[in-house]
């Protein structure tokens, strides 16, 4: 079984799967469709919020036990996977537009949280 977080594994298009590669693919996709004028920070943050809400909607009325088993149903698992991808896509596009390194931002945030919430 492959590790989905192992960036040394090739993606479906043969290149290594990493944040920079995915951001480049998203930028190329948008550029080919002339969408850059619409990819403002405000629009991307709004789209991110909408997609996160669509992910929340899948879990909205589930019990904690049902939510833990959500990936057992292939149709629901597909919906969850698609919404996770949409959330990540808009987050990566927002980071690209704003010049934020998402991995460095998360690393710094974990450091701050470790200081704020000691064991």
Protein backbone atom coordinates (compact mmCIF):
# COMPACT_ATOMS: atom_id res chain seq x y z
CA UNK A 1 0.00 0.00 0.00
CA UNK A 2 1.30 3.47 -0.87
CA UNK A 3 1.53 6.33 1.58
CA UNK A 4 -0.60 9.25 0.31
CA UNK A 5 1.63 11.74 2.16
CA UNK A 6 4.87 10.44 0.59
CA UNK A 7 5.79 13.15 -1.93
CA UNK A 8 8.42 10.88 -3.50
CA UNK A 9 5.64 8.83 -5.10
CA UNK A 10 4.66 9.93 -8.59
CA UNK A 11 1.24 11.45 -9.14
CA UNK A 12 -1.17 10.23 -11.79
CA UNK A 13 0.61 12.37 -14.41
CA UNK A 14 4.08 11.01 -13.60
CA UNK A 15 5.46 14.02 -11.72
CA UNK A 16 6.12 13.96 -7.97
CA UNK A 17 3.09 14.93 -5.94
CA UNK A 18 3.93 17.99 -3.89
CA UNK A 19 2.36 21.37 -3.12
CA UNK A 20 4.37 23.25 -5.75
CA UNK A 21 3.45 20.79 -8.49
CA UNK A 22 -0.23 20.94 -7.58
CA UNK A 23 -0.16 24.75 -7.44
CA UNK A 24 1.48 24.85 -10.88
CA UNK A 25 -1.15 22.49 -12.31
CA UNK A 26 -3.95 24.60 -10.83
CA UNK A 27 -2.40 27.79 -12.23
CA UNK A 28 -2.01 26.22 -15.67
CA UNK A 29 -5.61 24.98 -15.59
CA UNK A 30 -6.89 28.47 -14.71
CA UNK A 31 -4.63 30.20 -17.24
CA UNK A 32 -5.79 27.92 -20.07
CA UNK A 33 -9.35 29.06 -19.35
CA UNK A 34 -8.47 32.74 -18.74
CA UNK A 35 -9.79 32.53 -15.18
CA UNK A 36 -6.98 34.54 -13.55
CA UNK A 37 -9.02 37.79 -13.43
CA UNK A 38 -11.54 36.00 -11.22
CA UNK A 39 -8.96 34.42 -8.92
CA UNK A 40 -8.73 37.36 -6.56
CA UNK A 41 -8.07 36.75 -2.86
CA UNK A 42 -11.70 37.65 -2.05
CA UNK A 43 -13.14 35.28 -4.66
CA UNK A 44 -10.81 32.43 -3.73
CA UNK A 45 -11.52 32.83 0.00
CA UNK A 46 -15.25 32.86 -0.75
CA UNK A 47 -14.99 29.76 -2.94
CA UNK A 48 -12.94 28.05 -0.22
CA UNK A 49 -15.69 28.78 2.31
CA UNK A 50 -18.38 27.44 -0.03
CA UNK A 51 -16.47 24.22 -0.68
CA UNK A 52 -15.78 23.74 3.05
CA UNK A 53 -19.52 24.17 3.65
CA UNK A 54 -20.25 21.51 1.04
CA UNK A 55 -17.93 19.16 2.95
CA UNK A 56 -19.69 20.01 6.21
CA UNK A 57 -23.06 19.32 4.57
CA UNK A 58 -22.12 15.65 4.06
CA UNK A 59 -21.67 15.24 7.82
CA UNK A 60 -24.41 17.62 8.96
CA UNK A 61 -26.97 15.19 10.38
CA UNK A 62 -24.77 12.17 11.02
CA UNK A 63 -24.14 10.83 14.48
CA UNK A 64 -20.49 10.70 15.59
CA UNK A 65 -20.52 6.96 14.88
CA UNK A 66 -21.99 7.42 11.40
CA UNK A 67 -19.47 10.14 10.60
CA UNK A 68 -16.61 7.80 11.56
CA UNK A 69 -17.88 5.29 8.97
CA UNK A 70 -18.56 7.78 6.17
CA UNK A 71 -15.82 6.40 3.92
CA UNK A 72 -17.33 2.89 4.03
CA UNK A 73 -20.05 3.90 1.55
CA UNK A 74 -18.48 4.30 -1.92
CA UNK A 75 -20.90 7.04 -3.04
CA UNK A 76 -20.41 9.10 0.11
CA UNK A 77 -16.66 8.46 0.09
CA UNK A 78 -16.51 9.82 -3.46
CA UNK A 79 -18.39 12.96 -2.40
CA UNK A 80 -16.08 13.47 0.60
CA UNK A 81 -12.99 12.99 -1.55
CA UNK A 82 -14.24 15.47 -4.15
CA UNK A 83 -15.06 18.12 -1.55
CA UNK A 84 -11.69 17.66 0.19
CA UNK A 85 -10.03 18.14 -3.20
CA UNK A 86 -12.08 21.29 -3.85
CA UNK A 87 -11.18 22.74 -0.44
CA UNK A 88 -7.49 22.00 -0.96
CA UNK A 89 -7.52 23.38 -4.51
CA UNK A 90 -8.98 26.71 -3.45
CA UNK A 91 -6.68 26.91 -0.42
CA UNK A 92 -3.61 26.27 -2.60
CA UNK A 93 -4.78 28.83 -5.16
CA UNK A 94 -5.36 31.40 -2.41
CA UNK A 95 -1.88 30.73 -1.02
CA UNK A 96 -0.38 31.13 -4.48
CA UNK A 97 -2.13 34.47 -5.08
CA UNK A 98 -1.15 35.81 -1.64
CA UNK A 99 2.39 34.43 -1.67
CA UNK A 100 1.83 32.24 1.39
CA UNK A 101 3.80 29.01 1.73
CA UNK A 102 1.09 26.73 3.17
CA UNK A 103 3.54 24.19 4.61
CA UNK A 104 5.65 26.88 6.30
CA UNK A 105 2.48 28.55 7.61
CA UNK A 106 1.24 25.27 9.10
CA UNK A 107 4.66 24.46 10.59
CA UNK A 108 4.80 27.90 12.25
CA UNK A 109 1.23 27.53 13.53
CA UNK A 110 2.01 24.14 15.09
CA UNK A 111 5.04 25.71 16.79
CA UNK A 112 2.85 28.52 18.21
CA UNK A 113 0.21 26.01 19.37
CA UNK A 114 2.85 23.89 21.11
CA UNK A 115 3.91 26.99 23.08
CA UNK A 116 0.29 28.06 23.78
CA UNK A 117 -0.86 24.59 24.86
CA UNK A 118 2.00 22.88 26.68
CA UNK A 119 1.64 19.28 27.75
